[in-house]
Amino acid sequence: VVIAIATDDSLFGKMVSNIKEVHARGAKVIAVVKEGNEAIREIADEVIYIPKASRYLTPSLTVVPLQLLAYHTTVEKGLDVDKPRNLAKSVTVE
């Protein structure tokens, strides 16, 4: 599963391209986008909407659904929420 945060309007086209690429390789995609962005529904398997806000507030709004997703995933897997192990992180820098 790939979680794509596509909230920056100036980089949205590049994010769409990246989402299409990982989707073509068989990954399930969960996209976090600003409300009103319906174009992402065509390429992402699941979409989480955050309210439209200034570019300075958007990162804080993005963190909330990601934290909830991490928490509920951990609970569903029967793991201890307070003791994460074997975390894998991937960051793409342009």
C-alpha atoms as a PDB file:
ATOM      1  CA  VAL A   1       0.000   0.000   0.000  1.00  0.00           C
ATOM      2  CA  VAL A   2       1.266   3.441  -0.953  1.00  0.00           C
ATOM      3  CA  ILE A   3      -0.045   6.546   0.791  1.00  0.00           C
ATOM      4  CA  ALA A   4       0.205   9.592  -1.478  1.00  0.00           C
ATOM      5  CA  ILE A   5      -0.139  13.092  -0.083  1.00  0.00           C
ATOM      6  CA  ALA A   6      -1.221  15.226  -3.041  1.00  0.00           C
ATOM      7  CA  THR A   7      -2.187  18.536  -1.480  1.00  0.00           C
ATOM      8  CA  ASP A   8       0.290  20.915  -3.138  1.00  0.00           C
ATOM      9  CA  ASP A   9      -1.349  22.402  -6.216  1.00  0.00           C
ATOM     10  CA  SER A  10       1.956  23.279  -7.898  1.00  0.00           C
ATOM     11  CA  LEU A  11       3.196  19.663  -7.681  1.00  0.00           C
ATOM     12  CA  PHE A  12      -0.125  17.925  -8.209  1.00  0.00           C
ATOM     13  CA  GLY A  13       0.664  16.863 -11.783  1.00  0.00           C
ATOM     14  CA  LYS A  14       3.901  15.197 -10.691  1.00  0.00           C
ATOM     15  CA  MET A  15       2.112  13.409  -7.851  1.00  0.00           C
ATOM     16  CA  VAL A  16      -0.507  12.094 -10.276  1.00  0.00           C
ATOM     17  CA  SER A  17       2.305  10.751 -12.462  1.00  0.00           C
ATOM     18  CA  ASN A  18       3.941   9.051  -9.452  1.00  0.00           C
ATOM     19  CA  ILE A  19       0.620   7.571  -8.325  1.00  0.00           C
ATOM     20  CA  LYS A  20      -0.010   6.151 -11.799  1.00  0.00           C
ATOM     21  CA  GLU A  21       3.469   4.616 -11.827  1.00  0.00           C
ATOM     22  CA  VAL A  22       3.133   2.786  -8.492  1.00  0.00           C
ATOM     23  CA  HIS A  23      -0.417   1.752  -9.348  1.00  0.00           C
ATOM     24  CA  ALA A  24       0.826   0.267 -12.633  1.00  0.00           C
ATOM     25  CA  ARG A  25       3.317  -1.795 -10.608  1.00  0.00           C
ATOM     26  CA  GLY A  26       0.463  -3.306  -8.617  1.00  0.00           C
ATOM     27  CA  ALA A  27       0.396  -1.149  -5.495  1.00  0.00           C
ATOM     28  CA  LYS A  28      -2.831  -0.131  -3.803  1.00  0.00           C
ATOM     29  CA  VAL A  29      -2.926   3.659  -3.433  1.00  0.00           C
ATOM     30  CA  ILE A  30      -4.506   5.723  -0.674  1.00  0.00           C
ATOM     31  CA  ALA A  31      -4.435   9.420  -1.575  1.00  0.00           C
ATOM     32  CA  VAL A  32      -4.774  12.351   0.807  1.00  0.00           C
ATOM     33  CA  VAL A  33      -6.076  15.407  -1.082  1.00  0.00           C
ATOM     34  CA  LYS A  34      -7.905  18.654  -0.486  1.00  0.00           C
ATOM     35  CA  GLU A  35     -11.695  18.500  -0.637  1.00  0.00           C
ATOM     36  CA  GLY A  36     -13.126  19.167  -4.052  1.00  0.00           C
ATOM     37  CA  ASN A  37     -10.380  17.285  -5.878  1.00  0.00           C
ATOM     38  CA  GLU A  38     -12.381  14.609  -7.690  1.00  0.00           C
ATOM     39  CA  ALA A  39      -9.781  13.884 -10.405  1.00  0.00           C
ATOM     40  CA  ILE A  40      -7.767  11.749  -8.005  1.00  0.00           C
ATOM     41  CA  ARG A  41     -10.642   9.259  -7.643  1.00  0.00           C
ATOM     42  CA  GLU A  42      -9.848   7.865 -11.098  1.00  0.00           C
ATOM     43  CA  ILE A  43      -6.321   6.772 -10.171  1.00  0.00           C
ATOM     44  CA  ALA A  44      -6.350   6.109  -6.408  1.00  0.00           C
ATOM     45  CA  ASP A  45      -8.001   3.110  -4.761  1.00  0.00           C
ATOM     46  CA  GLU A  46      -9.067   5.128  -1.695  1.00  0.00           C
ATOM     47  CA  VAL A  47      -9.221   8.877  -1.148  1.00  0.00           C
ATOM     48  CA  ILE A  48      -9.064  10.787   2.137  1.00  0.00           C
ATOM     49  CA  TYR A  49     -10.190  14.399   1.902  1.00  0.00           C
ATOM     50  CA  ILE A  50      -8.934  17.218   4.112  1.00  0.00           C
ATOM     51  CA  PRO A  51     -10.509  20.694   4.217  1.00  0.00           C
ATOM     52  CA  LYS A  52      -9.187  23.388   1.910  1.00  0.00           C
ATOM     53  CA  ALA A  53      -6.863  25.671   3.848  1.00  0.00           C
ATOM     54  CA  SER A  54      -3.855  27.917   3.405  1.00  0.00           C
ATOM     55  CA  ARG A  55      -0.639  26.263   2.318  1.00  0.00           C
ATOM     56  CA  TYR A  56       0.765  26.847   5.807  1.00  0.00           C
ATOM     57  CA  LEU A  57      -2.046  24.999   7.571  1.00  0.00           C
ATOM     58  CA  THR A  58      -2.423  22.128   5.085  1.00  0.00           C
ATOM     59  CA  PRO A  59       0.494  20.031   6.458  1.00  0.00           C
ATOM     60  CA  SER A  60      -1.062  20.069   9.938  1.00  0.00           C
ATOM     61  CA  LEU A  61      -4.420  18.985   8.519  1.00  0.00           C
ATOM     62  CA  THR A  62      -2.748  16.176   6.581  1.00  0.00           C
ATOM     63  CA  VAL A  63      -1.183  14.672   9.707  1.00  0.00           C
ATOM     64  CA  VAL A  64      -4.521  13.981  11.425  1.00  0.00           C
ATOM     65  CA  PRO A  65      -5.893  11.328   9.018  1.00  0.00           C
ATOM     66  CA  LEU A  66      -2.433   9.765   8.694  1.00  0.00           C
ATOM     67  CA  GLN A  67      -2.120   9.369  12.467  1.00  0.00           C
ATOM     68  CA  LEU A  68      -5.612   7.875  12.644  1.00  0.00           C
ATOM     69  CA  LEU A  69      -4.813   5.489   9.795  1.00  0.00           C
ATOM     70  CA  ALA A  70      -1.629   4.367  11.558  1.00  0.00           C
ATOM     71  CA  TYR A  71      -3.427   3.919  14.865  1.00  0.00           C
ATOM     72  CA  HIS A  72      -6.341   1.901  13.464  1.00  0.00           C
ATOM     73  CA  THR A  73      -4.053  -0.228  11.295  1.00  0.00           C
ATOM     74  CA  THR A  74      -1.991  -1.103  14.348  1.00  0.00           C
ATOM     75  CA  VAL A  75      -5.069  -1.960  16.394  1.00  0.00           C
ATOM     76  CA  GLU A  76      -6.491  -4.133  13.587  1.00  0.00           C
ATOM     77  CA  LYS A  77      -3.213  -6.035  13.358  1.00  0.00           C
ATOM     78  CA  GLY A  78      -3.313  -6.670  17.109  1.00  0.00           C
ATOM     79  CA  LEU A  79      -0.046  -4.850  17.761  1.00  0.00           C
ATOM     80  CA  ASP A  80       0.884  -2.612  20.671  1.00  0.00           C
ATOM     81  CA  VAL A  81       0.242   0.960  19.568  1.00  0.00           C
ATOM     82  CA  ASP A  82       2.834   2.310  22.011  1.00  0.00           C
ATOM     83  CA  LYS A  83       5.721   0.090  20.836  1.00  0.00           C
ATOM     84  CA  PRO A  84       6.171   0.239  17.058  1.00  0.00           C
ATOM     85  CA  ARG A  85       8.802  -2.056  15.548  1.00  0.00           C
ATOM     86  CA  ASN A  86      10.375  -2.507  12.122  1.00  0.00           C
ATOM     87  CA  LEU A  87       9.279   0.822  10.678  1.00  0.00           C
ATOM     88  CA  ALA A  88      10.095   1.338   7.006  1.00  0.00           C
ATOM     89  CA  LYS A  89      10.193   4.833   5.590  1.00  0.00           C
ATOM     90  CA  SER A  90      10.626   5.989   2.037  1.00  0.00           C
ATOM     91  CA  VAL A  91      11.050   9.591   0.939  1.00  0.00           C
ATOM     92  CA  THR A  92      11.381  10.750  -2.639  1.00  0.00           C
ATOM     93  CA  VAL A  93      13.209  14.044  -3.062  1.00  0.00           C
ATOM     94  CA  GLU A  94      13.288  15.935  -6.308  1.00  0.00           C
END
